Amino acid sequence: MSDDNDTTNDQFPDRLSIDPKSPYYNEAILSRDVGIRFKGAEKTNVEEYCISEGWVRVTAGNAKDRYGNPLTIKVHGPVEPYFRDKK
């Protein structure tokens, strides 16, 4: 079984989350300052994305759940992750 934590290339995982409790969290990739283009526009409030299924999870304003986590909404459309630090 191979590990997808190699950040020497510019490959993104199919699914990535910024929540450390998520199984899709990858600190090595997130440390490279990942940006997301969703439907051609740059989004700064993305909590999680899935390229193959074509969706992002964005925060819903300042609303919080009962545990203090931001509420999120799943929105469908083309997802394009990129590294902001890439020259």
PDB file of N, CA and C in Angstrom:
ATOM      1  N   MET A   1       0.841  -1.171   0.000  1.00  0.00           N
ATOM      2  CA  MET A   1       0.000   0.000   0.000  1.00  0.00           C
ATOM      3  C   MET A   1       0.885   1.232   0.000  1.00  0.00           C
ATOM      4  N   SER A   2       0.608   2.187  -0.865  1.00  0.00           N
ATOM      5  CA  SER A   2       1.433   3.386  -0.940  1.00  0.00           C
ATOM      6  C   SER A   2       0.822   4.505  -0.116  1.00  0.00           C
ATOM      7  N   ASP A   3       1.671   5.445   0.265  1.00  0.00           N
ATOM      8  CA  ASP A   3       1.241   6.591   1.056  1.00  0.00           C
ATOM      9  C   ASP A   3       1.177   7.813   0.148  1.00  0.00           C
ATOM     10  N   ASP A   4       0.080   8.572   0.190  1.00  0.00           N
ATOM     11  CA  ASP A   4      -0.107   9.720  -0.690  1.00  0.00           C
ATOM     12  C   ASP A   4       0.398  11.020  -0.066  1.00  0.00           C
ATOM     13  N   ASN A   5       1.328  10.953   0.881  1.00  0.00           N
ATOM     14  CA  ASN A   5       1.805  12.149   1.550  1.00  0.00           C
ATOM     15  C   ASN A   5       3.022  12.760   0.889  1.00  0.00           C
ATOM     16  N   ASP A   6       3.367  12.363  -0.338  1.00  0.00           N
ATOM     17  CA  ASP A   6       4.522  12.900  -1.047  1.00  0.00           C
ATOM     18  C   ASP A   6       4.175  14.279  -1.593  1.00  0.00           C
ATOM     19  N   THR A   7       4.877  15.307  -1.101  1.00  0.00           N
ATOM     20  CA  THR A   7       4.592  16.673  -1.553  1.00  0.00           C
ATOM     21  C   THR A   7       5.677  17.194  -2.477  1.00  0.00           C
ATOM     22  N   THR A   8       6.586  16.306  -2.952  1.00  0.00           N
ATOM     23  CA  THR A   8       7.621  16.772  -3.860  1.00  0.00           C
ATOM     24  C   THR A   8       7.057  17.056  -5.241  1.00  0.00           C
ATOM     25  N   ASN A   9       5.963  16.427  -5.606  1.00  0.00           N
ATOM     26  CA  ASN A   9       5.329  16.720  -6.881  1.00  0.00           C
ATOM     27  C   ASN A   9       4.108  17.602  -6.634  1.00  0.00           C
ATOM     28  N   ASP A  10       3.447  17.996  -7.679  1.00  0.00           N
ATOM     29  CA  ASP A  10       2.301  18.886  -7.549  1.00  0.00           C
ATOM     30  C   ASP A  10       0.982  18.140  -7.661  1.00  0.00           C
ATOM     31  N   GLN A  11       0.925  16.922  -7.134  1.00  0.00           N
ATOM     32  CA  GLN A  11      -0.295  16.128  -7.158  1.00  0.00           C
ATOM     33  C   GLN A  11      -1.107  16.384  -5.894  1.00  0.00           C
ATOM     34  N   PHE A  12      -2.386  16.592  -6.078  1.00  0.00           N
ATOM     35  CA  PHE A  12      -3.290  16.782  -4.957  1.00  0.00           C
ATOM     36  C   PHE A  12      -4.052  15.499  -4.690  1.00  0.00           C
ATOM     37  N   PRO A  13      -4.391  15.243  -3.419  1.00  0.00           N
ATOM     38  CA  PRO A  13      -5.267  14.105  -3.154  1.00  0.00           C
ATOM     39  C   PRO A  13      -6.658  14.405  -3.701  1.00  0.00           C
ATOM     40  N   ASP A  14      -7.422  13.360  -3.972  1.00  0.00           N
ATOM     41  CA  ASP A  14      -8.773  13.544  -4.493  1.00  0.00           C
ATOM     42  C   ASP A  14      -9.638  14.305  -3.500  1.00  0.00           C
ATOM     43  N   ARG A  15      -9.379  14.100  -2.226  1.00  0.00           N
ATOM     44  CA  ARG A  15     -10.177  14.756  -1.186  1.00  0.00           C
ATOM     45  C   ARG A  15      -9.245  15.285  -0.113  1.00  0.00           C
ATOM     46  N   LEU A  16      -9.481  16.525   0.328  1.00  0.00           N
ATOM     47  CA  LEU A  16      -8.623  17.160   1.317  1.00  0.00           C
ATOM     48  C   LEU A  16      -9.471  18.006   2.246  1.00  0.00           C
ATOM     49  N   SER A  17      -9.148  17.970   3.543  1.00  0.00           N
ATOM     50  CA  SER A  17      -9.880  18.717   4.557  1.00  0.00           C
ATOM     51  C   SER A  17      -8.897  19.506   5.411  1.00  0.00           C
ATOM     52  N   ILE A  18      -9.333  20.664   5.933  1.00  0.00           N
ATOM     53  CA  ILE A  18      -8.482  21.445   6.825  1.00  0.00           C
ATOM     54  C   ILE A  18      -8.738  21.106   8.293  1.00  0.00           C
ATOM     55  N   ASP A  19      -9.699  20.230   8.567  1.00  0.00           N
ATOM     56  CA  ASP A  19     -10.029  19.831   9.935  1.00  0.00           C
ATOM     57  C   ASP A  19      -9.083  18.707  10.385  1.00  0.00           C
ATOM     58  N   PRO A  20      -8.273  18.942  11.431  1.00  0.00           N
ATOM     59  CA  PRO A  20      -7.328  17.902  11.873  1.00  0.00           C
ATOM     60  C   PRO A  20      -8.002  16.605  12.328  1.00  0.00           C
ATOM     61  N   LYS A  21      -9.274  16.626  12.667  1.00  0.00           N
ATOM     62  CA  LYS A  21      -9.979  15.414  13.091  1.00  0.00           C
ATOM     63  C   LYS A  21     -10.469  14.581  11.910  1.00  0.00           C
ATOM     64  N   SER A  22     -10.403  15.130  10.703  1.00  0.00           N
ATOM     65  CA  SER A  22     -10.894  14.446   9.514  1.00  0.00           C
ATOM     66  C   SER A  22      -9.883  13.406   9.017  1.00  0.00           C
ATOM     67  N   PRO A  23     -10.365  12.283   8.480  1.00  0.00           N
ATOM     68  CA  PRO A  23      -9.430  11.313   7.884  1.00  0.00           C
ATOM     69  C   PRO A  23      -8.800  11.835   6.594  1.00  0.00           C
ATOM     70  N   TYR A  24      -9.302  12.920   6.034  1.00  0.00           N
ATOM     71  CA  TYR A  24      -8.777  13.489   4.798  1.00  0.00           C
ATOM     72  C   TYR A  24      -7.833  14.659   5.045  1.00  0.00           C
ATOM     73  N   TYR A  25      -7.447  14.880   6.282  1.00  0.00           N
ATOM     74  CA  TYR A  25      -6.520  15.940   6.656  1.00  0.00           C
ATOM     75  C   TYR A  25      -5.103  15.524   6.283  1.00  0.00           C
ATOM     76  N   ASN A  26      -4.333  16.432   5.659  1.00  0.00           N
ATOM     77  CA  ASN A  26      -2.953  16.149   5.282  1.00  0.00           C
ATOM     78  C   ASN A  26      -2.132  17.408   5.552  1.00  0.00           C
ATOM     79  N   GLU A  27      -1.430  17.423   6.670  1.00  0.00           N
ATOM     80  CA  GLU A  27      -0.684  18.605   7.088  1.00  0.00           C
ATOM     81  C   GLU A  27       0.438  18.964   6.122  1.00  0.00           C
ATOM     82  N   ALA A  28       1.082  17.973   5.516  1.00  0.00           N
ATOM     83  CA  ALA A  28       2.193  18.247   4.602  1.00  0.00           C
ATOM     84  C   ALA A  28       1.726  19.037   3.376  1.00  0.00           C
ATOM     85  N   ILE A  29       0.583  18.688   2.838  1.00  0.00           N
ATOM     86  CA  ILE A  29       0.065  19.407   1.667  1.00  0.00           C
ATOM     87  C   ILE A  29      -0.473  20.770   2.076  1.00  0.00           C
ATOM     88  N   LEU A  30      -1.171  20.850   3.180  1.00  0.00           N
ATOM     89  CA  LEU A  30      -1.733  22.127   3.630  1.00  0.00           C
ATOM     90  C   LEU A  30      -0.662  23.137   3.998  1.00  0.00           C
ATOM     91  N   SER A  31       0.524  22.679   4.386  1.00  0.00           N
ATOM     92  CA  SER A  31       1.605  23.596   4.730  1.00  0.00           C
ATOM     93  C   SER A  31       2.126  24.347   3.507  1.00  0.00           C
ATOM     94  N   ARG A  32       1.806  23.878   2.312  1.00  0.00           N
ATOM     95  CA  ARG A  32       2.250  24.536   1.078  1.00  0.00           C
ATOM     96  C   ARG A  32       1.275  25.597   0.598  1.00  0.00           C
ATOM     97  N   ASP A  33       0.293  25.977   1.386  1.00  0.00           N
ATOM     98  CA  ASP A  33      -0.666  27.042   1.068  1.00  0.00           C
ATOM     99  C   ASP A  33      -1.486  26.695  -0.176  1.00  0.00           C
ATOM    100  N   VAL A  34      -2.483  25.855   0.017  1.00  0.00           N
ATOM    101  CA  VAL A  34      -3.352  25.394  -1.062  1.00  0.00           C
ATOM    102  C   VAL A  34      -4.446  26.420  -1.323  1.00  0.00           C
ATOM    103  N   GLY A  35      -4.668  26.732  -2.584  1.00  0.00           N
ATOM    104  CA  GLY A  35      -5.770  27.589  -2.994  1.00  0.00           C
ATOM    105  C   GLY A  35      -6.791  26.764  -3.759  1.00  0.00           C
ATOM    106  N   ILE A  36      -8.035  27.210  -3.773  1.00  0.00           N
ATOM    107  CA  ILE A  36      -9.112  26.484  -4.458  1.00  0.00           C
ATOM    108  C   ILE A  36      -9.825  27.425  -5.419  1.00  0.00           C
ATOM    109  N   ARG A  37      -9.931  26.999  -6.674  1.00  0.00           N
ATOM    110  CA  ARG A  37     -10.797  27.686  -7.636  1.00  0.00           C
ATOM    111  C   ARG A  37     -12.033  26.834  -7.797  1.00  0.00           C
ATOM    112  N   PHE A  38     -13.183  27.425  -7.548  1.00  0.00           N
ATOM    113  CA  PHE A  38     -14.454  26.714  -7.650  1.00  0.00           C
ATOM    114  C   PHE A  38     -15.325  27.466  -8.640  1.00  0.00           C
ATOM    115  N   LYS A  39     -15.707  26.794  -9.715  1.00  0.00           N
ATOM    116  CA  LYS A  39     -16.470  27.397 -10.812  1.00  0.00           C
ATOM    117  C   LYS A  39     -15.758  28.631 -11.363  1.00  0.00           C
ATOM    118  N   GLY A  40     -14.409  28.556 -11.400  1.00  0.00           N
ATOM    119  CA  GLY A  40     -13.608  29.629 -11.976  1.00  0.00           C
ATOM    120  C   GLY A  40     -13.284  30.776 -11.040  1.00  0.00           C
ATOM    121  N   ALA A  41     -13.831  30.788  -9.838  1.00  0.00           N
ATOM    122  CA  ALA A  41     -13.568  31.872  -8.882  1.00  0.00           C
ATOM    123  C   ALA A  41     -12.776  31.328  -7.697  1.00  0.00           C
ATOM    124  N   GLU A  42     -11.829  32.118  -7.197  1.00  0.00           N
ATOM    125  CA  GLU A  42     -11.054  31.691  -6.049  1.00  0.00           C
ATOM    126  C   GLU A  42     -11.899  31.779  -4.785  1.00  0.00           C
ATOM    127  N   LYS A  43     -11.879  30.702  -4.011  1.00  0.00           N
ATOM    128  CA  LYS A  43     -12.625  30.643  -2.753  1.00  0.00           C
ATOM    129  C   LYS A  43     -11.636  30.594  -1.592  1.00  0.00           C
ATOM    130  N   THR A  44     -11.902  31.372  -0.557  1.00  0.00           N
ATOM    131  CA  THR A  44     -11.020  31.395   0.606  1.00  0.00           C
ATOM    132  C   THR A  44     -11.659  30.757   1.831  1.00  0.00           C
ATOM    133  N   ASN A  45     -12.913  30.353   1.748  1.00  0.00           N
ATOM    134  CA  ASN A  45     -13.608  29.794   2.903  1.00  0.00           C
ATOM    135  C   ASN A  45     -13.919  28.305   2.740  1.00  0.00           C
ATOM    136  N   VAL A  46     -13.091  27.575   2.001  1.00  0.00           N
ATOM    137  CA  VAL A  46     -13.314  26.146   1.756  1.00  0.00           C
ATOM    138  C   VAL A  46     -12.773  25.342   2.930  1.00  0.00           C
ATOM    139  N   GLU A  47     -13.597  24.486   3.489  1.00  0.00           N
ATOM    140  CA  GLU A  47     -13.210  23.600   4.592  1.00  0.00           C
ATOM    141  C   GLU A  47     -12.744  22.244   4.066  1.00  0.00           C
ATOM    142  N   GLU A  48     -13.340  21.772   2.973  1.00  0.00           N
ATOM    143  CA  GLU A  48     -13.027  20.453   2.423  1.00  0.00           C
ATOM    144  C   GLU A  48     -13.411  20.447   0.951  1.00  0.00           C
ATOM    145  N   TYR A  49     -12.713  19.631   0.144  1.00  0.00           N
ATOM    146  CA  TYR A  49     -13.080  19.494  -1.261  1.00  0.00           C
ATOM    147  C   TYR A  49     -12.932  18.055  -1.709  1.00  0.00           C
ATOM    148  N   CYS A  50     -13.623  17.710  -2.807  1.00  0.00           N
ATOM    149  CA  CYS A  50     -13.478  16.412  -3.462  1.00  0.00           C
ATOM    150  C   CYS A  50     -13.470  16.667  -4.965  1.00  0.00           C
ATOM    151  N   ILE A  51     -12.367  16.355  -5.614  1.00  0.00           N
ATOM    152  CA  ILE A  51     -12.226  16.616  -7.049  1.00  0.00           C
ATOM    153  C   ILE A  51     -13.096  15.673  -7.870  1.00  0.00           C
ATOM    154  N   SER A  52     -13.060  14.364  -7.577  1.00  0.00           N
ATOM    155  CA  SER A  52     -13.768  13.380  -8.403  1.00  0.00           C
ATOM    156  C   SER A  52     -15.284  13.545  -8.332  1.00  0.00           C
ATOM    157  N   GLU A  53     -15.804  13.917  -7.164  1.00  0.00           N
ATOM    158  CA  GLU A  53     -17.248  14.101  -7.022  1.00  0.00           C
ATOM    159  C   GLU A  53     -17.672  15.527  -7.355  1.00  0.00           C
ATOM    160  N   GLY A  54     -16.725  16.457  -7.463  1.00  0.00           N
ATOM    161  CA  GLY A  54     -17.021  17.827  -7.873  1.00  0.00           C
ATOM    162  C   GLY A  54     -17.794  18.630  -6.839  1.00  0.00           C
ATOM    163  N   TRP A  55     -17.264  18.730  -5.617  1.00  0.00           N
ATOM    164  CA  TRP A  55     -17.928  19.546  -4.599  1.00  0.00           C
ATOM    165  C   TRP A  55     -16.905  20.148  -3.657  1.00  0.00           C
ATOM    166  N   VAL A  56     -17.317  21.233  -3.010  1.00  0.00           N
ATOM    167  CA  VAL A  56     -16.550  21.837  -1.925  1.00  0.00           C
ATOM    168  C   VAL A  56     -17.491  22.046  -0.747  1.00  0.00           C
ATOM    169  N   ARG A  57     -16.934  22.068   0.437  1.00  0.00           N
ATOM    170  CA  ARG A  57     -17.680  22.372   1.649  1.00  0.00           C
ATOM    171  C   ARG A  57     -17.194  23.735   2.115  1.00  0.00           C
ATOM    172  N   VAL A  58     -18.088  24.728   2.113  1.00  0.00           N
ATOM    173  CA  VAL A  58     -17.733  26.093   2.499  1.00  0.00           C
ATOM    174  C   VAL A  58     -18.456  26.470   3.789  1.00  0.00           C
ATOM    175  N   THR A  59     -17.863  27.402   4.521  1.00  0.00           N
ATOM    176  CA  THR A  59     -18.474  27.843   5.767  1.00  0.00           C
ATOM    177  C   THR A  59     -19.722  28.663   5.476  1.00  0.00           C
ATOM    178  N   ALA A  60     -20.695  28.554   6.370  1.00  0.00           N
ATOM    179  CA  ALA A  60     -21.977  29.249   6.223  1.00  0.00           C
ATOM    180  C   ALA A  60     -21.987  30.468   7.140  1.00  0.00           C
ATOM    181  N   GLY A  61     -21.288  31.511   6.725  1.00  0.00           N
ATOM    182  CA  GLY A  61     -21.252  32.735   7.515  1.00  0.00           C
ATOM    183  C   GLY A  61     -20.556  32.527   8.847  1.00  0.00           C
ATOM    184  N   ASN A  62     -21.097  33.123   9.896  1.00  0.00           N
ATOM    185  CA  ASN A  62     -20.514  32.993  11.233  1.00  0.00           C
ATOM    186  C   ASN A  62     -21.232  31.969  12.086  1.00  0.00           C
ATOM    187  N   ALA A  63     -22.126  31.186  11.497  1.00  0.00           N
ATOM    188  CA  ALA A  63     -22.899  30.200  12.245  1.00  0.00           C
ATOM    189  C   ALA A  63     -21.994  29.090  12.773  1.00  0.00           C
ATOM    190  N   LYS A  64     -22.279  28.632  13.980  1.00  0.00           N
ATOM    191  CA  LYS A  64     -21.522  27.558  14.621  1.00  0.00           C
ATOM    192  C   LYS A  64     -22.463  26.438  15.034  1.00  0.00           C
ATOM    193  N   ASP A  65     -21.933  25.217  15.064  1.00  0.00           N
ATOM    194  CA  ASP A  65     -22.732  24.111  15.579  1.00  0.00           C
ATOM    195  C   ASP A  65     -22.611  24.069  17.107  1.00  0.00           C
ATOM    196  N   ARG A  66     -23.202  23.081  17.730  1.00  0.00           N
ATOM    197  CA  ARG A  66     -23.227  23.044  19.199  1.00  0.00           C
ATOM    198  C   ARG A  66     -21.858  22.746  19.807  1.00  0.00           C
ATOM    199  N   TYR A  67     -20.886  22.343  18.985  1.00  0.00           N
ATOM    200  CA  TYR A  67     -19.536  22.089  19.465  1.00  0.00           C
ATOM    201  C   TYR A  67     -18.596  23.257  19.181  1.00  0.00           C
ATOM    202  N   GLY A  68     -19.106  24.321  18.577  1.00  0.00           N
ATOM    203  CA  GLY A  68     -18.293  25.492  18.272  1.00  0.00           C
ATOM    204  C   GLY A  68     -17.606  25.450  16.922  1.00  0.00           C
ATOM    205  N   ASN A  69     -17.883  24.419  16.132  1.00  0.00           N
ATOM    206  CA  ASN A  69     -17.302  24.315  14.790  1.00  0.00           C
ATOM    207  C   ASN A  69     -18.160  25.103  13.807  1.00  0.00           C
ATOM    208  N   PRO A  70     -17.554  25.651  12.752  1.00  0.00           N
ATOM    209  CA  PRO A  70     -18.359  26.390  11.774  1.00  0.00           C
ATOM    210  C   PRO A  70     -19.299  25.466  11.008  1.00  0.00           C
ATOM    211  N   LEU A  71     -20.513  25.941  10.755  1.00  0.00           N
ATOM    212  CA  LEU A  71     -21.445  25.188   9.920  1.00  0.00           C
ATOM    213  C   LEU A  71     -20.984  25.283   8.476  1.00  0.00           C
ATOM    214  N   THR A  72     -21.148  24.195   7.739  1.00  0.00           N
ATOM    215  CA  THR A  72     -20.703  24.168   6.347  1.00  0.00           C
ATOM    216  C   THR A  72     -21.834  23.755   5.418  1.00  0.00           C
ATOM    217  N   ILE A  73     -21.682  24.144   4.167  1.00  0.00           N
ATOM    218  CA  ILE A  73     -22.632  23.805   3.113  1.00  0.00           C
ATOM    219  C   ILE A  73     -21.847  23.142   1.991  1.00  0.00           C
ATOM    220  N   LYS A  74     -22.372  22.029   1.467  1.00  0.00           N
ATOM    221  CA  LYS A  74     -21.739  21.354   0.335  1.00  0.00           C
ATOM    222  C   LYS A  74     -22.302  21.944  -0.953  1.00  0.00           C
ATOM    223  N   VAL A  75     -21.390  22.435  -1.823  1.00  0.00           N
ATOM    224  CA  VAL A  75     -21.779  23.061  -3.078  1.00  0.00           C
ATOM    225  C   VAL A  75     -21.120  22.281  -4.212  1.00  0.00           C
ATOM    226  N   HIS A  76     -21.879  21.956  -5.246  1.00  0.00           N
ATOM    227  CA  HIS A  76     -21.387  21.143  -6.355  1.00  0.00           C
ATOM    228  C   HIS A  76     -20.951  22.008  -7.536  1.00  0.00           C
ATOM    229  N   GLY A  77     -19.862  21.585  -8.179  1.00  0.00           N
ATOM    230  CA  GLY A  77     -19.331  22.268  -9.351  1.00  0.00           C
ATOM    231  C   GLY A  77     -17.879  21.853  -9.570  1.00  0.00           C
ATOM    232  N   PRO A  78     -17.254  22.367 -10.627  1.00  0.00           N
ATOM    233  CA  PRO A  78     -15.855  22.008 -10.907  1.00  0.00           C
ATOM    234  C   PRO A  78     -14.902  22.584  -9.855  1.00  0.00           C
ATOM    235  N   VAL A  79     -13.986  21.731  -9.369  1.00  0.00           N
ATOM    236  CA  VAL A  79     -13.033  22.097  -8.321  1.00  0.00           C
ATOM    237  C   VAL A  79     -11.622  22.037  -8.897  1.00  0.00           C
ATOM    238  N   GLU A  80     -10.834  23.085  -8.678  1.00  0.00           N
ATOM    239  CA  GLU A  80      -9.459  23.124  -9.169  1.00  0.00           C
ATOM    240  C   GLU A  80      -8.526  23.604  -8.050  1.00  0.00           C
ATOM    241  N   PRO A  81      -7.847  22.664  -7.358  1.00  0.00           N
ATOM    242  CA  PRO A  81      -6.890  23.076  -6.329  1.00  0.00           C
ATOM    243  C   PRO A  81      -5.563  23.470  -6.968  1.00  0.00           C
ATOM    244  N   TYR A  82      -4.834  24.363  -6.313  1.00  0.00           N
ATOM    245  CA  TYR A  82      -3.516  24.784  -6.778  1.00  0.00           C
ATOM    246  C   TYR A  82      -2.686  25.232  -5.593  1.00  0.00           C
ATOM    247  N   PHE A  83      -1.365  25.266  -5.784  1.00  0.00           N
ATOM    248  CA  PHE A  83      -0.471  25.740  -4.741  1.00  0.00           C
ATOM    249  C   PHE A  83      -0.210  27.221  -4.966  1.00  0.00           C
ATOM    250  N   ARG A  84      -0.452  28.042  -3.952  1.00  0.00           N
ATOM    251  CA  ARG A  84      -0.198  29.481  -4.058  1.00  0.00           C
ATOM    252  C   ARG A  84       1.290  29.784  -4.029  1.00  0.00           C
ATOM    253  N   ASP A  85       2.076  28.935  -3.380  1.00  0.00           N
ATOM    254  CA  ASP A  85       3.515  29.195  -3.267  1.00  0.00           C
ATOM    255  C   ASP A  85       4.300  28.803  -4.516  1.00  0.00           C
ATOM    256  N   LYS A  86       3.658  28.207  -5.501  1.00  0.00           N
ATOM    257  CA  LYS A  86       4.335  27.781  -6.722  1.00  0.00           C
ATOM    258  C   LYS A  86       4.712  28.988  -7.553  1.00  0.00           C
ATOM    259  N   LYS A  87       5.962  29.046  -7.954  1.00  0.00           N
ATOM    260  CA  LYS A  87       6.463  30.186  -8.733  1.00  0.00           C
ATOM    261  C   LYS A  87       6.169  30.012 -10.205  1.00  0.00           C
TER     262      LYS A  87
END
